[in-house]
Amino acid sequence: DMLNKWSSKMSNDGKVEIEVSEWFLRL
């Protein structure tokens, strides 16, 4: 579920910047 949310945020070039510490805390 978390990775799908990351993928949905990606730009057209297939990249995205994620601040991972907050995401890992929620996970």
mmCIF file of all heavy atoms, coordinates in Angstrom:
data_MODEL
# 
_entry.id   MODEL 
# 
loop_
_atom_site.group_PDB 
_atom_site.id 
_atom_site.type_symbol 
_atom_site.label_atom_id 
_atom_site.label_alt_id 
_atom_site.label_comp_id 
_atom_site.label_asym_id 
_atom_site.label_entity_id 
_atom_site.label_seq_id 
_atom_site.pdbx_PDB_ins_code 
_atom_site.Cartn_x 
_atom_site.Cartn_y 
_atom_site.Cartn_z 
_atom_site.occupancy 
_atom_site.B_iso_or_equiv 
_atom_site.pdbx_formal_charge 
_atom_site.auth_seq_id 
_atom_site.auth_comp_id 
_atom_site.auth_asym_id 
_atom_site.auth_atom_id 
_atom_site.pdbx_PDB_model_num 
ATOM 1   N N   . ASP A 1 1  ? 0.830  -1.207 0.000   1.00 0.00 ? 1  ASP A N   1 
ATOM 2   C CA  . ASP A 1 1  ? 0.000  0.000  0.000   1.00 0.00 ? 1  ASP A CA  1 
ATOM 3   C C   . ASP A 1 1  ? 0.866  1.261  0.000   1.00 0.00 ? 1  ASP A C   1 
ATOM 4   O O   . ASP A 1 1  ? 0.573  2.228  -0.714  1.00 0.00 ? 1  ASP A O   1 
ATOM 5   C CB  . ASP A 1 1  ? -0.914 0.012  1.232   1.00 0.00 ? 1  ASP A CB  1 
ATOM 6   C CG  . ASP A 1 1  ? -1.998 -1.051 1.169   1.00 0.00 ? 1  ASP A CG  1 
ATOM 7   O OD1 . ASP A 1 1  ? -2.233 -1.587 0.072   1.00 0.00 ? 1  ASP A OD1 1 
ATOM 8   O OD2 . ASP A 1 1  ? -2.588 -1.346 2.226   1.00 0.00 ? 1  ASP A OD2 1 
ATOM 9   N N   . MET A 1 2  ? 1.925  1.243  0.788   1.00 0.00 ? 2  MET A N   1 
ATOM 10  C CA  . MET A 1 2  ? 2.818  2.398  0.854   1.00 0.00 ? 2  MET A CA  1 
ATOM 11  C C   . MET A 1 2  ? 3.527  2.626  -0.482  1.00 0.00 ? 2  MET A C   1 
ATOM 12  O O   . MET A 1 2  ? 3.597  3.754  -0.991  1.00 0.00 ? 2  MET A O   1 
ATOM 13  C CB  . MET A 1 2  ? 3.855  2.200  1.966   1.00 0.00 ? 2  MET A CB  1 
ATOM 14  C CG  . MET A 1 2  ? 4.729  3.411  2.211   1.00 0.00 ? 2  MET A CG  1 
ATOM 15  S SD  . MET A 1 2  ? 6.059  3.102  3.409   1.00 0.00 ? 2  MET A SD  1 
ATOM 16  C CE  . MET A 1 2  ? 7.267  2.284  2.347   1.00 0.00 ? 2  MET A CE  1 
ATOM 17  N N   . LEU A 1 3  ? 4.048  1.562  -1.089  1.00 0.00 ? 3  LEU A N   1 
ATOM 18  C CA  . LEU A 1 3  ? 4.773  1.697  -2.352  1.00 0.00 ? 3  LEU A CA  1 
ATOM 19  C C   . LEU A 1 3  ? 3.850  2.135  -3.484  1.00 0.00 ? 3  LEU A C   1 
ATOM 20  O O   . LEU A 1 3  ? 4.274  2.883  -4.382  1.00 0.00 ? 3  LEU A O   1 
ATOM 21  C CB  . LEU A 1 3  ? 5.460  0.375  -2.704  1.00 0.00 ? 3  LEU A CB  1 
ATOM 22  C CG  . LEU A 1 3  ? 6.572  -0.081 -1.745  1.00 0.00 ? 3  LEU A CG  1 
ATOM 23  C CD1 . LEU A 1 3  ? 7.191  -1.383 -2.221  1.00 0.00 ? 3  LEU A CD1 1 
ATOM 24  C CD2 . LEU A 1 3  ? 7.651  0.988  -1.599  1.00 0.00 ? 3  LEU A CD2 1 
ATOM 25  N N   . ASN A 1 4  ? 2.605  1.691  -3.464  1.00 0.00 ? 4  ASN A N   1 
ATOM 26  C CA  . ASN A 1 4  ? 1.646  2.134  -4.487  1.00 0.00 ? 4  ASN A CA  1 
ATOM 27  C C   . ASN A 1 4  ? 1.410  3.643  -4.373  1.00 0.00 ? 4  ASN A C   1 
ATOM 28  O O   . ASN A 1 4  ? 1.254  4.334  -5.401  1.00 0.00 ? 4  ASN A O   1 
ATOM 29  C CB  . ASN A 1 4  ? 0.329  1.380  -4.337  1.00 0.00 ? 4  ASN A CB  1 
ATOM 30  C CG  . ASN A 1 4  ? 0.430  -0.064 -4.809  1.00 0.00 ? 4  ASN A CG  1 
ATOM 31  O OD1 . ASN A 1 4  ? 1.339  -0.416 -5.568  1.00 0.00 ? 4  ASN A OD1 1 
ATOM 32  N ND2 . ASN A 1 4  ? -0.482 -0.914 -4.353  1.00 0.00 ? 4  ASN A ND2 1 
ATOM 33  N N   . LYS A 1 5  ? 1.374  4.154  -3.163  1.00 0.00 ? 5  LYS A N   1 
ATOM 34  C CA  . LYS A 1 5  ? 1.221  5.601  -2.965  1.00 0.00 ? 5  LYS A CA  1 
ATOM 35  C C   . LYS A 1 5  ? 2.444  6.343  -3.485  1.00 0.00 ? 5  LYS A C   1 
ATOM 36  O O   . LYS A 1 5  ? 2.322  7.426  -4.069  1.00 0.00 ? 5  LYS A O   1 
ATOM 37  C CB  . LYS A 1 5  ? 0.991  5.910  -1.484  1.00 0.00 ? 5  LYS A CB  1 
ATOM 38  C CG  . LYS A 1 5  ? -0.376 5.462  -0.978  1.00 0.00 ? 5  LYS A CG  1 
ATOM 39  C CD  . LYS A 1 5  ? -0.524 5.655  0.527   1.00 0.00 ? 5  LYS A CD  1 
ATOM 40  C CE  . LYS A 1 5  ? -1.866 5.134  1.005   1.00 0.00 ? 5  LYS A CE  1 
ATOM 41  N NZ  . LYS A 1 5  ? -2.010 5.192  2.479   1.00 0.00 ? 5  LYS A NZ  1 
ATOM 42  N N   . TRP A 1 6  ? 3.627  5.797  -3.274  1.00 0.00 ? 6  TRP A N   1 
ATOM 43  C CA  . TRP A 1 6  ? 4.840  6.415  -3.827  1.00 0.00 ? 6  TRP A CA  1 
ATOM 44  C C   . TRP A 1 6  ? 4.759  6.470  -5.353  1.00 0.00 ? 6  TRP A C   1 
ATOM 45  O O   . TRP A 1 6  ? 5.058  7.491  -5.966  1.00 0.00 ? 6  TRP A O   1 
ATOM 46  C CB  . TRP A 1 6  ? 6.085  5.617  -3.418  1.00 0.00 ? 6  TRP A CB  1 
ATOM 47  C CG  . TRP A 1 6  ? 6.450  5.731  -1.970  1.00 0.00 ? 6  TRP A CG  1 
ATOM 48  C CD1 . TRP A 1 6  ? 5.732  6.326  -0.975  1.00 0.00 ? 6  TRP A CD1 1 
ATOM 49  C CD2 . TRP A 1 6  ? 7.629  5.217  -1.347  1.00 0.00 ? 6  TRP A CD2 1 
ATOM 50  N NE1 . TRP A 1 6  ? 6.380  6.217  0.233   1.00 0.00 ? 6  TRP A NE1 1 
ATOM 51  C CE2 . TRP A 1 6  ? 7.544  5.548  0.029   1.00 0.00 ? 6  TRP A CE2 1 
ATOM 52  C CE3 . TRP A 1 6  ? 8.741  4.520  -1.808  1.00 0.00 ? 6  TRP A CE3 1 
ATOM 53  C CZ2 . TRP A 1 6  ? 8.548  5.193  0.939   1.00 0.00 ? 6  TRP A CZ2 1 
ATOM 54  C CZ3 . TRP A 1 6  ? 9.743  4.155  -0.901  1.00 0.00 ? 6  TRP A CZ3 1 
ATOM 55  C CH2 . TRP A 1 6  ? 9.642  4.492  0.457   1.00 0.00 ? 6  TRP A CH2 1 
ATOM 56  N N   . SER A 1 7  ? 4.354  5.350  -5.946  1.00 0.00 ? 7  SER A N   1 
ATOM 57  C CA  . SER A 1 7  ? 4.278  5.270  -7.409  1.00 0.00 ? 7  SER A CA  1 
ATOM 58  C C   . SER A 1 7  ? 3.284  6.282  -7.970  1.00 0.00 ? 7  SER A C   1 
ATOM 59  O O   . SER A 1 7  ? 3.505  6.880  -9.036  1.00 0.00 ? 7  SER A O   1 
ATOM 60  C CB  . SER A 1 7  ? 3.880  3.855  -7.845  1.00 0.00 ? 7  SER A CB  1 
ATOM 61  O OG  . SER A 1 7  ? 4.887  2.923  -7.494  1.00 0.00 ? 7  SER A OG  1 
ATOM 62  N N   . SER A 1 8  ? 2.187  6.495  -7.242  1.00 0.00 ? 8  SER A N   1 
ATOM 63  C CA  . SER A 1 8  ? 1.164  7.430  -7.720  1.00 0.00 ? 8  SER A CA  1 
ATOM 64  C C   . SER A 1 8  ? 1.655  8.876  -7.715  1.00 0.00 ? 8  SER A C   1 
ATOM 65  O O   . SER A 1 8  ? 1.078  9.738  -8.390  1.00 0.00 ? 8  SER A O   1 
ATOM 66  C CB  . SER A 1 8  ? -0.103 7.309  -6.853  1.00 0.00 ? 8  SER A CB  1 
ATOM 67  O OG  . SER A 1 8  ? 0.146  7.790  -5.538  1.00 0.00 ? 8  SER A OG  1 
ATOM 68  N N   . LYS A 1 9  ? 2.719  9.158  -6.954  1.00 0.00 ? 9  LYS A N   1 
ATOM 69  C CA  . LYS A 1 9  ? 3.256  10.509 -6.872  1.00 0.00 ? 9  LYS A CA  1 
ATOM 70  C C   . LYS A 1 9  ? 4.325  10.784 -7.932  1.00 0.00 ? 9  LYS A C   1 
ATOM 71  O O   . LYS A 1 9  ? 4.828  11.904 -8.026  1.00 0.00 ? 9  LYS A O   1 
ATOM 72  C CB  . LYS A 1 9  ? 3.880  10.744 -5.480  1.00 0.00 ? 9  LYS A CB  1 
ATOM 73  C CG  . LYS A 1 9  ? 2.883  10.720 -4.321  1.00 0.00 ? 9  LYS A CG  1 
ATOM 74  C CD  . LYS A 1 9  ? 3.593  10.826 -2.982  1.00 0.00 ? 9  LYS A CD  1 
ATOM 75  C CE  . LYS A 1 9  ? 2.616  10.847 -1.828  1.00 0.00 ? 9  LYS A CE  1 
ATOM 76  N NZ  . LYS A 1 9  ? 1.815  12.088 -1.772  1.00 0.00 ? 9  LYS A NZ  1 
ATOM 77  N N   . MET A 1 10 ? 4.681  9.783  -8.729  1.00 0.00 ? 10 MET A N   1 
ATOM 78  C CA  . MET A 1 10 ? 5.796  9.932  -9.653  1.00 0.00 ? 10 MET A CA  1 
ATOM 79  C C   . MET A 1 10 ? 5.465  10.863 -10.807 1.00 0.00 ? 10 MET A C   1 
ATOM 80  O O   . MET A 1 10 ? 4.339  10.914 -11.296 1.00 0.00 ? 10 MET A O   1 
ATOM 81  C CB  . MET A 1 10 ? 6.223  8.560  -10.188 1.00 0.00 ? 10 MET A CB  1 
ATOM 82  C CG  . MET A 1 10 ? 6.967  7.745  -9.135  1.00 0.00 ? 10 MET A CG  1 
ATOM 83  S SD  . MET A 1 10 ? 7.780  6.326  -9.825  1.00 0.00 ? 10 MET A SD  1 
ATOM 84  C CE  . MET A 1 10 ? 9.002  6.010  -8.541  1.00 0.00 ? 10 MET A CE  1 
ATOM 85  N N   . SER A 1 11 ? 6.477  11.592 -11.244 1.00 0.00 ? 11 SER A N   1 
ATOM 86  C CA  . SER A 1 11 ? 6.330  12.492 -12.395 1.00 0.00 ? 11 SER A CA  1 
ATOM 87  C C   . SER A 1 11 ? 6.434  11.680 -13.686 1.00 0.00 ? 11 SER A C   1 
ATOM 88  O O   . SER A 1 11 ? 6.627  10.460 -13.665 1.00 0.00 ? 11 SER A O   1 
ATOM 89  C CB  . SER A 1 11 ? 7.425  13.565 -12.346 1.00 0.00 ? 11 SER A CB  1 
ATOM 90  O OG  . SER A 1 11 ? 8.710  12.959 -12.328 1.00 0.00 ? 11 SER A OG  1 
ATOM 91  N N   . ASN A 1 12 ? 6.342  12.367 -14.817 1.00 0.00 ? 12 ASN A N   1 
ATOM 92  C CA  . ASN A 1 12 ? 6.363  11.687 -16.118 1.00 0.00 ? 12 ASN A CA  1 
ATOM 93  C C   . ASN A 1 12 ? 7.667  10.947 -16.391 1.00 0.00 ? 12 ASN A C   1 
ATOM 94  O O   . ASN A 1 12 ? 7.697  9.982  -17.153 1.00 0.00 ? 12 ASN A O   1 
ATOM 95  C CB  . ASN A 1 12 ? 6.106  12.703 -17.243 1.00 0.00 ? 12 ASN A CB  1 
ATOM 96  C CG  . ASN A 1 12 ? 4.686  13.253 -17.177 1.00 0.00 ? 12 ASN A CG  1 
ATOM 97  O OD1 . ASN A 1 12 ? 3.786  12.566 -16.674 1.00 0.00 ? 12 ASN A OD1 1 
ATOM 98  N ND2 . ASN A 1 12 ? 4.484  14.469 -17.656 1.00 0.00 ? 12 ASN A ND2 1 
ATOM 99  N N   . ASP A 1 13 ? 8.762  11.423 -15.773 1.00 0.00 ? 13 ASP A N   1 
ATOM 100 C CA  . ASP A 1 13 ? 10.046 10.746 -15.997 1.00 0.00 ? 13 ASP A CA  1 
ATOM 101 C C   . ASP A 1 13 ? 10.271 9.569  -15.048 1.00 0.00 ? 13 ASP A C   1 
ATOM 102 O O   . ASP A 1 13 ? 11.361 8.993  -14.992 1.00 0.00 ? 13 ASP A O   1 
ATOM 103 C CB  . ASP A 1 13 ? 11.213 11.738 -15.862 1.00 0.00 ? 13 ASP A CB  1 
ATOM 104 C CG  . ASP A 1 13 ? 11.286 12.366 -14.473 1.00 0.00 ? 13 ASP A CG  1 
ATOM 105 O OD1 . ASP A 1 13 ? 10.398 12.085 -13.641 1.00 0.00 ? 13 ASP A OD1 1 
ATOM 106 O OD2 . ASP A 1 13 ? 12.233 13.142 -14.216 1.00 0.00 ? 13 ASP A OD2 1 
ATOM 107 N N   . GLY A 1 14 ? 9.220  9.195  -14.299 1.00 0.00 ? 14 GLY A N   1 
ATOM 108 C CA  . GLY A 1 14 ? 9.325  8.025  -13.427 1.00 0.00 ? 14 GLY A CA  1 
ATOM 109 C C   . GLY A 1 14 ? 10.106 8.271  -12.160 1.00 0.00 ? 14 GLY A C   1 
ATOM 110 O O   . GLY A 1 14 ? 10.619 7.327  -11.549 1.00 0.00 ? 14 GLY A O   1 
ATOM 111 N N   . LYS A 1 15 ? 10.196 9.541  -11.726 1.00 0.00 ? 15 LYS A N   1 
ATOM 112 C CA  . LYS A 1 15 ? 10.942 9.865  -10.502 1.00 0.00 ? 15 LYS A CA  1 
ATOM 113 C C   . LYS A 1 15 ? 10.037 10.550 -9.485  1.00 0.00 ? 15 LYS A C   1 
ATOM 114 O O   . LYS A 1 15 ? 9.053  11.200 -9.846  1.00 0.00 ? 15 LYS A O   1 
ATOM 115 C CB  . LYS A 1 15 ? 12.129 10.792 -10.822 1.00 0.00 ? 15 LYS A CB  1 
ATOM 116 C CG  . LYS A 1 15 ? 13.250 10.133 -11.585 1.00 0.00 ? 15 LYS A CG  1 
ATOM 117 C CD  . LYS A 1 15 ? 14.423 11.106 -11.752 1.00 0.00 ? 15 LYS A CD  1 
ATOM 118 C CE  . LYS A 1 15 ? 15.583 10.454 -12.485 1.00 0.00 ? 15 LYS A CE  1 
ATOM 119 N NZ  . LYS A 1 15 ? 16.745 11.378 -12.609 1.00 0.00 ? 15 LYS A NZ  1 
ATOM 120 N N   . VAL A 1 16 ? 10.423 10.409 -8.216  1.00 0.00 ? 16 VAL A N   1 
ATOM 121 C CA  . VAL A 1 16 ? 9.715  11.105 -7.160  1.00 0.00 ? 16 VAL A CA  1 
ATOM 122 C C   . VAL A 1 16 ? 10.646 11.280 -5.967  1.00 0.00 ? 16 VAL A C   1 
ATOM 123 O O   . VAL A 1 16 ? 11.486 10.418 -5.700  1.00 0.00 ? 16 VAL A O   1 
ATOM 124 C CB  . VAL A 1 16 ? 8.442  10.328 -6.727  1.00 0.00 ? 16 VAL A CB  1 
ATOM 125 C CG1 . VAL A 1 16 ? 8.786  8.975  -6.129  1.00 0.00 ? 16 VAL A CG1 1 
ATOM 126 C CG2 . VAL A 1 16 ? 7.597  11.139 -5.749  1.00 0.00 ? 16 VAL A CG2 1 
ATOM 127 N N   . GLU A 1 17 ? 10.521 12.427 -5.268  1.00 0.00 ? 17 GLU A N   1 
ATOM 128 C CA  . GLU A 1 17 ? 11.294 12.635 -4.043  1.00 0.00 ? 17 GLU A CA  1 
ATOM 129 C C   . GLU A 1 17 ? 10.398 12.336 -2.845  1.00 0.00 ? 17 GLU A C   1 
ATOM 130 O O   . GLU A 1 17 ? 9.312  12.904 -2.723  1.00 0.00 ? 17 GLU A O   1 
ATOM 131 C CB  . GLU A 1 17 ? 11.823 14.071 -3.957  1.00 0.00 ? 17 GLU A CB  1 
ATOM 132 C CG  . GLU A 1 17 ? 12.657 14.318 -2.698  1.00 0.00 ? 17 GLU A CG  1 
ATOM 133 C CD  . GLU A 1 17 ? 13.244 15.723 -2.639  1.00 0.00 ? 17 GLU A CD  1 
ATOM 134 O OE1 . GLU A 1 17 ? 13.760 16.196 -3.672  1.00 0.00 ? 17 GLU A OE1 1 
ATOM 135 O OE2 . GLU A 1 17 ? 13.179 16.338 -1.548  1.00 0.00 ? 17 GLU A OE2 1 
ATOM 136 N N   . ILE A 1 18 ? 10.868 11.436 -2.003  1.00 0.00 ? 18 ILE A N   1 
ATOM 137 C CA  . ILE A 1 18 ? 10.102 11.009 -0.832  1.00 0.00 ? 18 ILE A CA  1 
ATOM 138 C C   . ILE A 1 18 ? 10.934 11.252 0.425   1.00 0.00 ? 18 ILE A C   1 
ATOM 139 O O   . ILE A 1 18 ? 12.112 10.895 0.474   1.00 0.00 ? 18 ILE A O   1 
ATOM 140 C CB  . ILE A 1 18 ? 9.753  9.502  -0.898  1.00 0.00 ? 18 ILE A CB  1 
ATOM 141 C CG1 . ILE A 1 18 ? 8.918  9.186  -2.141  1.00 0.00 ? 18 ILE A CG1 1 
ATOM 142 C CG2 . ILE A 1 18 ? 9.047  9.047  0.375   1.00 0.00 ? 18 ILE A CG2 1 
ATOM 143 C CD1 . ILE A 1 18 ? 7.501  9.654  -2.099  1.00 0.00 ? 18 ILE A CD1 1 
ATOM 144 N N   . GLU A 1 19 ? 10.309 11.883 1.444   1.00 0.00 ? 19 GLU A N   1 
ATOM 145 C CA  . GLU A 1 19 ? 10.973 11.995 2.745   1.00 0.00 ? 19 GLU A CA  1 
ATOM 146 C C   . GLU A 1 19 ? 10.618 10.715 3.510   1.00 0.00 ? 19 GLU A C   1 
ATOM 147 O O   . GLU A 1 19 ? 9.544  10.588 4.101   1.00 0.00 ? 19 GLU A O   1 
ATOM 148 C CB  . GLU A 1 19 ? 10.470 13.239 3.482   1.00 0.00 ? 19 GLU A CB  1 
ATOM 149 C CG  . GLU A 1 19 ? 11.427 13.752 4.561   1.00 0.00 ? 19 GLU A CG  1 
ATOM 150 C CD  . GLU A 1 19 ? 11.522 12.839 5.769   1.00 0.00 ? 19 GLU A CD  1 
ATOM 151 O OE1 . GLU A 1 19 ? 10.691 12.977 6.659   1.00 0.00 ? 19 GLU A OE1 1 
ATOM 152 O OE2 . GLU A 1 19 ? 12.433 11.978 5.800   1.00 0.00 ? 19 GLU A OE2 1 
ATOM 153 N N   . VAL A 1 20 ? 11.537 9.729  3.475   1.00 0.00 ? 20 VAL A N   1 
ATOM 154 C CA  . VAL A 1 20 ? 11.174 8.369  3.860   1.00 0.00 ? 20 VAL A CA  1 
ATOM 155 C C   . VAL A 1 20 ? 10.974 8.179  5.367   1.00 0.00 ? 20 VAL A C   1 
ATOM 156 O O   . VAL A 1 20 ? 10.247 7.271  5.788   1.00 0.00 ? 20 VAL A O   1 
ATOM 157 C CB  . VAL A 1 20 ? 12.222 7.343  3.355   1.00 0.00 ? 20 VAL A CB  1 
ATOM 158 C CG1 . VAL A 1 20 ? 12.252 7.305  1.843   1.00 0.00 ? 20 VAL A CG1 1 
ATOM 159 C CG2 . VAL A 1 20 ? 13.601 7.611  3.935   1.00 0.00 ? 20 VAL A CG2 1 
ATOM 160 N N   . SER A 1 21 ? 11.586 9.009  6.199   1.00 0.00 ? 21 SER A N   1 
ATOM 161 C CA  . SER A 1 21 ? 11.511 8.751  7.639   1.00 0.00 ? 21 SER A CA  1 
ATOM 162 C C   . SER A 1 21 ? 10.071 8.807  8.152   1.00 0.00 ? 21 SER A C   1 
ATOM 163 O O   . SER A 1 21 ? 9.665  7.987  8.980   1.00 0.00 ? 21 SER A O   1 
ATOM 164 C CB  . SER A 1 21 ? 12.397 9.728  8.422   1.00 0.00 ? 21 SER A CB  1 
ATOM 165 O OG  . SER A 1 21 ? 11.952 11.053 8.287   1.00 0.00 ? 21 SER A OG  1 
ATOM 166 N N   . GLU A 1 22 ? 9.269  9.754  7.638   1.00 0.00 ? 22 GLU A N   1 
ATOM 167 C CA  . GLU A 1 22 ? 7.871  9.855  8.074   1.00 0.00 ? 22 GLU A CA  1 
ATOM 168 C C   . GLU A 1 22 ? 7.049  8.673  7.560   1.00 0.00 ? 22 GLU A C   1 
ATOM 169 O O   . GLU A 1 22 ? 6.185  8.139  8.263   1.00 0.00 ? 22 GLU A O   1 
ATOM 170 C CB  . GLU A 1 22 ? 7.267  11.171 7.577   1.00 0.00 ? 22 GLU A CB  1 
ATOM 171 C CG  . GLU A 1 22 ? 7.816  12.400 8.278   1.00 0.00 ? 22 GLU A CG  1 
ATOM 172 C CD  . GLU A 1 22 ? 7.505  12.403 9.768   1.00 0.00 ? 22 GLU A CD  1 
ATOM 173 O OE1 . GLU A 1 22 ? 6.432  11.895 10.161  1.00 0.00 ? 22 GLU A OE1 1 
ATOM 174 O OE2 . GLU A 1 22 ? 8.344  12.890 10.543  1.00 0.00 ? 22 GLU A OE2 1 
ATOM 175 N N   . TRP A 1 23 ? 7.309  8.259  6.329   1.00 0.00 ? 23 TRP A N   1 
ATOM 176 C CA  . TRP A 1 23 ? 6.591  7.115  5.762   1.00 0.00 ? 23 TRP A CA  1 
ATOM 177 C C   . TRP A 1 23 ? 6.920  5.841  6.521   1.00 0.00 ? 23 TRP A C   1 
ATOM 178 O O   . TRP A 1 23 ? 6.041  5.024  6.812   1.00 0.00 ? 23 TRP A O   1 
ATOM 179 C CB  . TRP A 1 23 ? 6.941  6.941  4.286   1.00 0.00 ? 23 TRP A CB  1 
ATOM 180 C CG  . TRP A 1 23 ? 6.289  7.945  3.392   1.00 0.00 ? 23 TRP A CG  1 
ATOM 181 C CD1 . TRP A 1 23 ? 6.768  9.182  3.063   1.00 0.00 ? 23 TRP A CD1 1 
ATOM 182 C CD2 . TRP A 1 23 ? 5.037  7.812  2.712   1.00 0.00 ? 23 TRP A CD2 1 
ATOM 183 N NE1 . TRP A 1 23 ? 5.891  9.824  2.214   1.00 0.00 ? 23 TRP A NE1 1 
ATOM 184 C CE2 . TRP A 1 23 ? 4.825  9.010  1.980   1.00 0.00 ? 23 TRP A CE2 1 
ATOM 185 C CE3 . TRP A 1 23 ? 4.079  6.809  2.631   1.00 0.00 ? 23 TRP A CE3 1 
ATOM 186 C CZ2 . TRP A 1 23 ? 3.698  9.208  1.192   1.00 0.00 ? 23 TRP A CZ2 1 
ATOM 187 C CZ3 . TRP A 1 23 ? 2.953  6.998  1.844   1.00 0.00 ? 23 TRP A CZ3 1 
ATOM 188 C CH2 . TRP A 1 23 ? 2.765  8.198  1.145   1.00 0.00 ? 23 TRP A CH2 1 
ATOM 189 N N   . PHE A 1 24 ? 8.202  5.645  6.844   1.00 0.00 ? 24 PHE A N   1 
ATOM 190 C CA  . PHE A 1 24 ? 8.600  4.436  7.572   1.00 0.00 ? 24 PHE A CA  1 
ATOM 191 C C   . PHE A 1 24 ? 8.030  4.435  8.996   1.00 0.00 ? 24 PHE A C   1 
ATOM 192 O O   . PHE A 1 24 ? 7.743  3.378  9.550   1.00 0.00 ? 24 PHE A O   1 
ATOM 193 C CB  . PHE A 1 24 ? 10.121 4.315  7.616   1.00 0.00 ? 24 PHE A CB  1 
ATOM 194 C CG  . PHE A 1 24 ? 10.743 3.910  6.300   1.00 0.00 ? 24 PHE A CG  1 
ATOM 195 C CD1 . PHE A 1 24 ? 11.998 4.367  5.936   1.00 0.00 ? 24 PHE A CD1 1 
ATOM 196 C CD2 . PHE A 1 24 ? 10.075 3.069  5.430   1.00 0.00 ? 24 PHE A CD2 1 
ATOM 197 C CE1 . PHE A 1 24 ? 12.571 4.001  4.732   1.00 0.00 ? 24 PHE A CE1 1 
ATOM 198 C CE2 . PHE A 1 24 ? 10.640 2.693  4.208   1.00 0.00 ? 24 PHE A CE2 1 
ATOM 199 C CZ  . PHE A 1 24 ? 11.891 3.157  3.864   1.00 0.00 ? 24 PHE A CZ  1 
ATOM 200 N N   . LEU A 1 25 ? 7.872  5.618  9.565   1.00 0.00 ? 25 LEU A N   1 
ATOM 201 C CA  . LEU A 1 25 ? 7.279  5.707  10.900  1.00 0.00 ? 25 LEU A CA  1 
ATOM 202 C C   . LEU A 1 25 ? 5.826  5.224  10.860  1.00 0.00 ? 25 LEU A C   1 
ATOM 203 O O   . LEU A 1 25 ? 5.385  4.453  11.717  1.00 0.00 ? 25 LEU A O   1 
ATOM 204 C CB  . LEU A 1 25 ? 7.360  7.148  11.406  1.00 0.00 ? 25 LEU A CB  1 
ATOM 205 C CG  . LEU A 1 25 ? 7.153  7.377  12.904  1.00 0.00 ? 25 LEU A CG  1 
ATOM 206 C CD1 . LEU A 1 25 ? 8.181  6.609  13.717  1.00 0.00 ? 25 LEU A CD1 1 
ATOM 207 C CD2 . LEU A 1 25 ? 7.224  8.852  13.227  1.00 0.00 ? 25 LEU A CD2 1 
ATOM 208 N N   . ARG A 1 26 ? 5.092  5.675  9.849   1.00 0.00 ? 26 ARG A N   1 
ATOM 209 C CA  . ARG A 1 26 ? 3.688  5.250  9.723   1.00 0.00 ? 26 ARG A CA  1 
ATOM 210 C C   . ARG A 1 26 ? 3.583  3.750  9.417   1.00 0.00 ? 26 ARG A C   1 
ATOM 211 O O   . ARG A 1 26 ? 2.691  3.060  9.928   1.00 0.00 ? 26 ARG A O   1 
ATOM 212 C CB  . ARG A 1 26 ? 2.975  6.066  8.634   1.00 0.00 ? 26 ARG A CB  1 
ATOM 213 C CG  . ARG A 1 26 ? 2.742  7.523  9.022   1.00 0.00 ? 26 ARG A CG  1 
ATOM 214 C CD  . ARG A 1 26 ? 1.744  8.189  8.105   1.00 0.00 ? 26 ARG A CD  1 
ATOM 215 N NE  . ARG A 1 26 ? 2.267  8.389  6.768   1.00 0.00 ? 26 ARG A NE  1 
ATOM 216 C CZ  . ARG A 1 26 ? 2.967  9.464  6.384   1.00 0.00 ? 26 ARG A CZ  1 
ATOM 217 N NH1 . ARG A 1 26 ? 3.221  10.438 7.260   1.00 0.00 ? 26 ARG A NH1 1 
ATOM 218 N NH2 . ARG A 1 26 ? 3.390  9.583  5.141   1.00 0.00 ? 26 ARG A NH2 1 
ATOM 219 N N   . LEU A 1 27 ? 4.510  3.259  8.583   1.00 0.00 ? 27 LEU A N   1 
ATOM 220 C CA  . LEU A 1 27 ? 4.534  1.824  8.274   1.00 0.00 ? 27 LEU A CA  1 
ATOM 221 C C   . LEU A 1 27 ? 4.778  1.008  9.542   1.00 0.00 ? 27 LEU A C   1 
ATOM 222 O O   . LEU A 1 27 ? 4.096  0.010  9.807   1.00 0.00 ? 27 LEU A O   1 
ATOM 223 C CB  . LEU A 1 27 ? 5.633  1.533  7.245   1.00 0.00 ? 27 LEU A CB  1 
ATOM 224 C CG  . LEU A 1 27 ? 5.854  0.054  6.901   1.00 0.00 ? 27 LEU A CG  1 
ATOM 225 C CD1 . LEU A 1 27 ? 4.700  -0.484 6.075   1.00 0.00 ? 27 LEU A CD1 1 
ATOM 226 C CD2 . LEU A 1 27 ? 7.192  -0.134 6.153   1.00 0.00 ? 27 LEU A CD2 1 
# 
